[in-house]
Amino acid sequence: MHRWRYLTIAGSATGMAILAGCLDDVSEMTDSESDDEGGGDDEAGTDDSSASGDGDESDDSGGSTEVDREIRTAAGRLNRSGASLRESQGTLEDPEATEYDPAEPREFLEEGLEALEAAEEYGPSEDEQADIDELYAFADVLGPTIDVTETVTDDTLEEEVDAINEAAIDEDLDGAASKAEALDERFTAAKADLEPAVDGVDDLDAARLADRSITELEDVQEGVETLFDVVVSVTTLTGATVEVVGGQQTLADGRDYLEAEAFDDAITAFEAAESTFLEATDALAEGGGEAPEGLEPYFDTALCQTGSFVDATGYFIEAVEAAQDEDPVAAEEAKEDAEAALEAAADCHESV
């Protein structure tokens, strides 16, 4: 089965989505650069104006030094969360060798949130509270992006799709359905998790965040939207897989009815299966046209299967009609054509 080569395309944009003000080339980012861009603990510790006062002392902007220090720490940690996520993803030129560990970006994100909570406890001014709220909004973009990136970089998809195909070939359609539904639920949940980030990134105040060293929000927006497009493509694929397996179950019922010479029930089942396969074909054709290049082989395989299943149901319907007309020769020929189409469907994941 095909690997997730689309990550080589989506990965760079996804990295921009969560970079949040770090330079495009992670290799250019040094420890001192991190301090310059996010504030952070080190920067706060070397700022004489921030370090010299107590909780009641104010800086030039009128806010307490402790609040300002925590806000700058939060901004630094959020920037590092984005940067470490990009570093974890690497170039993704070889998806099979790519290892993604969300622990570090999540740790920096948590530290950023803790700093924002601390800033609020010191009693921020109205303007400082606005900065805090905006950084919270930015964190609300980062969090789902980290989680969904983990989901889409999980290279077990190949194994799961193969397991669905193998179960169907072995005529364990209930097992295939269960696996397909679980796969679809996982990516549907990922899509739902990312939706608030897609909406939220458009509402971020670029100027206010830039004042707190969070920049490149246009790249952030583009990257989050690209990641969302990938997830939408995958959910189209997994949803169609659920439909295809369901159509196979209905087709199997039709074959049982045909063998039992319950011709009216057989026709009803085959027509229902055909309708399901046609609906899945339409969804796959539309989704495949918008899918990242690396996902196209999955859509091609699924379309190969649905095309063969549509052919099979058509032949089975011909077999039923011939049987009803008491033409056993024509019925047998149509059944043989149907079985050949089913074999072709089973071979799709090998030939595409």
Protein backbone atom coordinates (compact mmCIF):
# COMPACT_ATOMS: atom_id res chain seq x y z
CA MET A 1 0.00 0.00 0.00
CA HIS A 2 1.14 3.57 -0.56
CA ARG A 3 2.87 5.53 2.17
CA TRP A 4 1.71 8.97 3.20
CA ARG A 5 3.83 10.84 0.69
CA TYR A 6 1.52 13.83 0.91
CA LEU A 7 3.27 14.82 4.12
CA THR A 8 6.24 15.95 2.07
CA ILE A 9 3.93 18.55 0.59
CA ALA A 10 1.80 19.45 3.59
CA GLY A 11 4.58 19.30 6.14
CA SER A 12 6.29 22.54 5.23
CA ALA A 13 3.08 24.52 5.33
CA THR A 14 2.06 22.86 8.56
CA GLY A 15 5.39 23.85 10.01
CA MET A 16 4.68 27.48 9.13
CA ALA A 17 1.31 27.16 10.77
CA ILE A 18 2.82 26.45 14.12
CA LEU A 19 6.09 28.33 13.76
CA ALA A 20 4.48 31.45 15.19
CA GLY A 21 7.17 34.02 14.60
CA CYS A 22 10.27 31.84 14.31
CA LEU A 23 12.36 32.05 11.15
CA ASP A 24 11.40 29.87 8.20
CA ASP A 25 14.68 27.96 8.33
CA VAL A 26 14.87 26.26 11.69
CA SER A 27 18.57 25.66 11.21
CA GLU A 28 19.09 29.44 11.49
CA MET A 29 17.43 29.64 14.88
CA THR A 30 19.87 29.88 17.78
CA ASP A 31 19.31 30.14 21.49
CA SER A 32 19.91 33.88 21.38
CA GLU A 33 17.46 34.23 18.52
CA SER A 34 14.81 32.45 20.58
CA ASP A 35 15.36 34.97 23.34
CA ASP A 36 15.05 37.89 20.92
CA GLU A 37 11.85 36.58 19.39
CA GLY A 38 9.82 35.41 22.31
CA GLY A 39 10.95 37.07 25.48
CA GLY A 40 11.28 33.94 27.59
CA ASP A 41 12.80 33.35 30.98
CA ASP A 42 16.38 34.17 29.96
CA GLU A 43 15.40 37.48 28.44
CA ALA A 44 13.32 38.35 31.44
CA GLY A 45 16.20 37.52 33.73
CA THR A 46 18.62 39.85 31.93
CA ASP A 47 16.23 42.79 31.65
CA ASP A 48 17.43 45.25 34.31
CA SER A 49 14.21 47.22 34.31
CA SER A 50 12.16 44.07 34.87
CA ALA A 51 14.41 42.43 37.42
CA SER A 52 14.91 45.38 39.74
CA GLY A 53 11.36 45.97 41.00
CA ASP A 54 8.90 44.27 43.27
CA GLY A 55 5.28 43.39 42.65
CA ASP A 56 4.11 46.99 42.98
CA GLU A 57 6.72 48.58 40.73
CA SER A 58 5.66 49.54 37.19
CA ASP A 59 7.59 49.58 33.94
CA ASP A 60 7.51 52.40 31.35
CA SER A 61 4.18 51.18 29.96
CA GLY A 62 2.52 51.44 33.33
CA GLY A 63 2.17 47.71 34.01
CA SER A 64 3.84 45.74 36.76
CA THR A 65 7.23 44.28 35.94
CA GLU A 66 6.10 40.84 37.09
CA VAL A 67 3.15 40.86 34.69
CA ASP A 68 5.35 41.99 31.83
CA ARG A 69 7.98 39.38 32.65
CA GLU A 70 5.39 36.58 32.66
CA ILE A 71 3.85 37.80 29.42
CA ARG A 72 7.25 37.84 27.74
CA THR A 73 7.99 34.39 29.14
CA ALA A 74 4.69 33.12 27.76
CA ALA A 75 5.40 34.56 24.32
CA GLY A 76 8.83 32.96 24.31
CA ARG A 77 7.48 29.57 25.31
CA LEU A 78 4.73 29.70 22.68
CA ASN A 79 7.29 30.58 20.02
CA ARG A 80 9.48 27.66 21.15
CA SER A 81 6.47 25.36 21.09
CA GLY A 82 5.99 26.16 17.43
CA ALA A 83 9.68 25.91 16.66
CA SER A 84 10.16 22.56 18.40
CA LEU A 85 7.16 21.15 16.58
CA ARG A 86 8.71 22.10 13.27
CA GLU A 87 12.04 20.63 14.32
CA SER A 88 10.29 17.38 15.32
CA GLN A 89 8.67 17.11 11.92
CA GLY A 90 11.96 17.66 10.12
CA THR A 91 11.91 17.99 6.37
CA LEU A 92 9.55 15.04 5.90
CA GLU A 93 11.36 14.21 2.66
CA ASP A 94 11.23 10.58 3.79
CA PRO A 95 7.89 10.02 5.59
CA GLU A 96 8.76 6.43 6.51
CA ALA A 97 11.80 7.66 8.45
CA THR A 98 10.06 10.68 10.00
CA GLU A 99 9.48 10.44 13.72
CA TYR A 100 7.18 12.96 15.37
CA ASP A 101 7.18 13.39 19.13
CA PRO A 102 4.66 15.97 20.39
CA ALA A 103 6.08 15.94 23.93
CA GLU A 104 8.40 18.92 23.54
CA PRO A 105 6.00 21.31 21.78
CA ARG A 106 3.31 20.37 24.28
CA GLU A 107 5.68 21.02 27.16
CA PHE A 108 6.55 24.49 25.85
CA LEU A 109 2.87 25.17 25.23
CA GLU A 110 2.02 24.19 28.80
CA GLU A 111 4.80 26.39 30.15
CA GLY A 112 3.46 29.28 28.10
CA LEU A 113 -0.02 28.77 29.49
CA GLU A 114 1.34 28.60 33.03
CA ALA A 115 3.14 31.92 32.49
CA LEU A 116 -0.08 33.52 31.25
CA GLU A 117 -1.91 32.28 34.34
CA ALA A 118 0.86 33.71 36.53
CA ALA A 119 0.61 37.05 34.73
CA GLU A 120 -3.09 37.21 35.51
CA GLU A 121 -2.46 36.50 39.17
CA TYR A 122 -0.22 39.62 39.43
CA GLY A 123 -3.10 41.88 38.42
CA PRO A 124 -2.44 43.04 34.86
CA SER A 125 -3.51 46.38 33.50
CA GLU A 126 -6.25 46.53 30.91
CA ASP A 127 -3.74 46.65 28.08
CA GLU A 128 -1.69 43.80 29.56
CA GLN A 129 -4.84 41.72 29.94
CA ALA A 130 -5.54 42.30 26.26
CA ASP A 131 -2.05 40.96 25.49
CA ILE A 132 -2.67 37.95 27.71
CA ASP A 133 -6.00 37.22 26.03
CA GLU A 134 -4.41 37.42 22.61
CA LEU A 135 -1.61 35.04 23.60
CA TYR A 136 -4.24 32.64 24.94
CA ALA A 137 -5.94 32.84 21.54
CA PHE A 138 -2.64 32.04 19.87
CA ALA A 139 -2.15 29.07 22.20
CA ASP A 140 -5.62 27.91 21.20
CA VAL A 141 -4.33 27.69 17.63
CA LEU A 142 -1.11 25.91 18.57
CA GLY A 143 -2.70 23.23 20.75
CA PRO A 144 -4.99 21.63 18.14
CA THR A 145 -2.30 22.03 15.49
CA ILE A 146 0.11 19.95 17.57
CA ASP A 147 -2.52 17.29 18.20
CA VAL A 148 -3.71 17.02 14.61
CA THR A 149 -0.17 17.02 13.25
CA GLU A 150 0.46 14.01 15.46
CA THR A 151 -2.58 12.28 13.97
CA VAL A 152 -1.74 12.95 10.32
CA THR A 153 1.90 11.95 10.73
CA ASP A 154 0.93 8.60 12.22
CA ASP A 155 2.18 6.15 9.57
CA THR A 156 -0.11 3.34 10.76
CA LEU A 157 -2.67 4.39 8.13
CA GLU A 158 -1.11 2.03 5.62
CA GLU A 159 -1.50 -0.90 7.98
CA GLU A 160 -5.06 0.05 8.84
CA VAL A 161 -6.16 0.38 5.23
CA ASP A 162 -4.50 -2.93 4.40
CA ALA A 163 -6.28 -4.55 7.35
CA ILE A 164 -9.64 -3.31 6.05
CA ASN A 165 -8.94 -4.67 2.58
CA GLU A 166 -7.70 -8.00 3.91
CA ALA A 167 -10.75 -8.44 6.15
CA ALA A 168 -13.05 -7.74 3.21
CA ILE A 169 -11.17 -10.17 0.97
CA ASP A 170 -11.48 -12.80 3.70
CA GLU A 171 -15.24 -12.06 3.74
CA ASP A 172 -15.02 -10.75 7.30
CA LEU A 173 -17.16 -7.77 6.40
CA ASP A 174 -18.21 -7.06 9.98
CA GLY A 175 -14.56 -6.85 10.94
CA ALA A 176 -13.79 -4.65 7.95
CA ALA A 177 -16.68 -2.37 8.86
CA SER A 178 -15.49 -2.05 12.45
CA LYS A 179 -11.97 -1.15 11.36
CA ALA A 180 -13.20 1.33 8.76
CA GLU A 181 -15.50 3.05 11.24
CA ALA A 182 -12.71 3.34 13.83
CA LEU A 183 -10.39 4.88 11.23
CA ASP A 184 -13.04 7.33 10.10
CA GLU A 185 -13.91 8.33 13.66
CA ARG A 186 -10.27 9.11 14.42
CA PHE A 187 -9.83 11.51 11.53
CA THR A 188 -13.31 12.99 11.87
CA ALA A 189 -12.41 13.84 15.46
CA ALA A 190 -9.12 15.37 14.27
CA LYS A 191 -11.02 17.53 11.79
CA ALA A 192 -13.39 18.71 14.51
CA ASP A 193 -10.45 19.46 16.81
CA LEU A 194 -8.74 21.60 14.16
CA GLU A 195 -11.81 23.60 13.13
CA PRO A 196 -11.56 26.06 16.07
CA ALA A 197 -7.93 26.73 15.17
CA VAL A 198 -8.88 27.43 11.56
CA ASP A 199 -11.48 29.93 12.72
CA GLY A 200 -9.32 31.33 15.51
CA VAL A 201 -6.22 32.02 13.42
CA ASP A 202 -8.22 34.42 11.25
CA ASP A 203 -9.30 36.39 14.31
CA LEU A 204 -5.84 36.89 15.81
CA ASP A 205 -4.67 40.49 16.28
CA ALA A 206 -1.46 40.57 14.25
CA ALA A 207 -0.33 43.96 15.52
CA ARG A 208 -0.79 43.12 19.19
CA LEU A 209 0.95 39.77 18.82
CA ALA A 210 3.79 41.39 16.87
CA ASP A 211 4.33 43.73 19.81
CA ARG A 212 4.85 40.59 21.88
CA SER A 213 7.23 39.07 19.29
CA ILE A 214 4.67 36.74 17.72
CA THR A 215 4.89 37.37 13.97
CA GLU A 216 4.33 35.83 10.53
CA LEU A 217 0.62 35.33 11.13
CA GLU A 218 -0.09 35.14 7.40
CA ASP A 219 2.12 32.06 7.26
CA VAL A 220 0.40 30.72 10.35
CA GLN A 221 -3.00 31.11 8.72
CA GLU A 222 -1.84 29.49 5.48
CA GLY A 223 -0.26 26.57 7.31
CA VAL A 224 -3.27 25.84 9.51
CA GLU A 225 -5.55 25.96 6.50
CA THR A 226 -3.25 23.62 4.59
CA LEU A 227 -3.27 21.15 7.46
CA PHE A 228 -7.05 21.41 7.58
CA ASP A 229 -7.28 20.71 3.83
CA VAL A 230 -5.22 17.55 4.37
CA VAL A 231 -7.49 16.40 7.18
CA VAL A 232 -10.59 17.09 5.07
CA SER A 233 -9.13 14.95 2.28
CA VAL A 234 -8.41 12.11 4.67
CA THR A 235 -11.90 12.23 6.17
CA THR A 236 -13.35 12.13 2.66
CA LEU A 237 -11.31 9.01 2.04
CA THR A 238 -12.15 7.32 5.34
CA GLY A 239 -15.82 8.20 5.06
CA ALA A 240 -15.95 6.70 1.58
CA THR A 241 -14.21 3.59 2.91
CA VAL A 242 -17.00 3.14 5.45
CA GLU A 243 -19.55 3.46 2.64
CA VAL A 244 -17.72 0.98 0.42
CA VAL A 245 -17.58 -1.65 3.14
CA GLY A 246 -21.25 -1.06 3.86
CA GLY A 247 -22.01 -1.54 0.17
CA GLN A 248 -20.06 -4.80 0.23
CA GLN A 249 -22.19 -6.01 3.12
CA THR A 250 -25.36 -5.22 1.19
CA LEU A 251 -23.94 -6.87 -1.91
CA ALA A 252 -23.20 -10.01 0.12
CA ASP A 253 -26.82 -10.04 1.27
CA GLY A 254 -27.91 -9.84 -2.35
CA ARG A 255 -25.75 -12.85 -3.26
CA ASP A 256 -27.37 -14.84 -0.45
CA TYR A 257 -30.82 -13.90 -1.70
CA LEU A 258 -29.84 -14.88 -5.24
CA GLU A 259 -28.64 -18.29 -4.10
CA ALA A 260 -31.88 -18.74 -2.19
CA GLU A 261 -33.82 -17.68 -5.31
CA ALA A 262 -35.39 -14.80 -3.37
CA PHE A 263 -35.15 -12.71 -6.50
CA ASP A 264 -37.09 -9.62 -5.40
CA ASP A 265 -34.99 -9.29 -2.26
CA ALA A 266 -31.84 -9.87 -4.32
CA ILE A 267 -32.70 -7.08 -6.76
CA THR A 268 -33.44 -4.70 -3.87
CA ALA A 269 -30.12 -5.50 -2.19
CA PHE A 270 -28.05 -5.22 -5.35
CA GLU A 271 -29.64 -1.90 -6.30
CA ALA A 272 -29.01 -0.54 -2.80
CA ALA A 273 -25.38 -1.66 -2.97
CA GLU A 274 -24.96 -0.11 -6.40
CA SER A 275 -26.35 3.19 -5.12
CA THR A 276 -23.92 3.15 -2.20
CA PHE A 277 -20.96 2.47 -4.46
CA LEU A 278 -21.99 5.26 -6.83
CA GLU A 279 -22.27 7.73 -3.95
CA ALA A 280 -18.85 6.72 -2.69
CA THR A 281 -17.46 7.11 -6.22
CA ASP A 282 -18.80 10.66 -6.47
CA ALA A 283 -17.30 11.60 -3.10
CA LEU A 284 -13.94 10.08 -3.98
CA ALA A 285 -13.83 11.70 -7.41
CA GLU A 286 -14.54 15.13 -5.94
CA GLY A 287 -12.23 14.68 -2.96
CA GLY A 288 -9.44 13.17 -5.03
CA GLY A 289 -9.39 16.20 -7.29
CA GLU A 290 -8.60 18.42 -4.30
CA ALA A 291 -6.33 16.03 -2.39
CA PRO A 292 -2.58 16.58 -1.90
CA GLU A 293 -0.48 14.72 -4.43
CA GLY A 294 0.73 12.13 -1.96
CA LEU A 295 -2.83 11.15 -1.06
CA GLU A 296 -3.86 10.57 -4.66
CA PRO A 297 -2.83 6.87 -4.72
CA TYR A 298 -5.29 6.16 -1.90
CA PHE A 299 -8.09 7.82 -3.84
CA ASP A 300 -7.07 6.00 -7.03
CA THR A 301 -7.22 2.66 -5.22
CA ALA A 302 -10.63 3.40 -3.72
CA LEU A 303 -12.00 4.57 -7.08
CA CYS A 304 -10.68 1.40 -8.71
CA GLN A 305 -12.57 -0.62 -6.12
CA THR A 306 -15.84 1.27 -6.36
CA GLY A 307 -15.77 1.04 -10.15
CA SER A 308 -15.37 -2.72 -9.98
CA PHE A 309 -18.09 -3.01 -7.34
CA VAL A 310 -20.50 -1.02 -9.50
CA ASP A 311 -19.73 -3.42 -12.37
CA ALA A 312 -20.29 -6.40 -10.08
CA THR A 313 -23.68 -5.19 -8.86
CA GLY A 314 -24.76 -4.55 -12.43
CA TYR A 315 -23.85 -8.08 -13.45
CA PHE A 316 -25.60 -9.53 -10.42
CA ILE A 317 -28.73 -7.63 -11.32
CA GLU A 318 -28.50 -9.09 -14.83
CA ALA A 319 -28.12 -12.55 -13.29
CA VAL A 320 -31.25 -12.09 -11.20
CA GLU A 321 -33.25 -10.84 -14.15
CA ALA A 322 -32.08 -13.79 -16.28
CA ALA A 323 -33.04 -16.19 -13.50
CA GLN A 324 -36.45 -14.59 -13.28
CA ASP A 325 -36.78 -15.11 -17.04
CA GLU A 326 -35.78 -18.75 -16.53
CA ASP A 327 -32.64 -18.35 -18.63
CA PRO A 328 -30.05 -20.29 -16.56
CA VAL A 329 -27.28 -19.94 -19.14
CA ALA A 330 -27.51 -16.14 -19.18
CA ALA A 331 -27.83 -16.09 -15.41
CA GLU A 332 -24.67 -18.14 -14.97
CA GLU A 333 -22.71 -16.00 -17.42
CA ALA A 334 -23.78 -12.83 -15.62
CA LYS A 335 -22.78 -14.35 -12.27
CA GLU A 336 -19.35 -15.25 -13.65
CA ASP A 337 -18.90 -11.69 -14.90
CA ALA A 338 -19.92 -10.41 -11.45
CA GLU A 339 -17.42 -12.67 -9.70
CA ALA A 340 -14.69 -11.49 -12.06
CA ALA A 341 -15.51 -7.87 -11.20
CA LEU A 342 -15.25 -8.72 -7.49
CA GLU A 343 -11.82 -10.23 -8.07
CA ALA A 344 -10.80 -7.08 -9.90
CA ALA A 345 -11.90 -5.01 -6.90
CA ALA A 346 -9.80 -7.17 -4.61
CA ASP A 347 -6.77 -6.63 -6.84
CA CYS A 348 -7.08 -2.83 -6.92
CA HIS A 349 -4.83 -2.19 -3.92
CA GLU A 350 -2.11 -4.22 -5.61
CA SER A 351 -2.37 -2.69 -9.07
CA VAL A 352 -2.65 1.03 -8.27
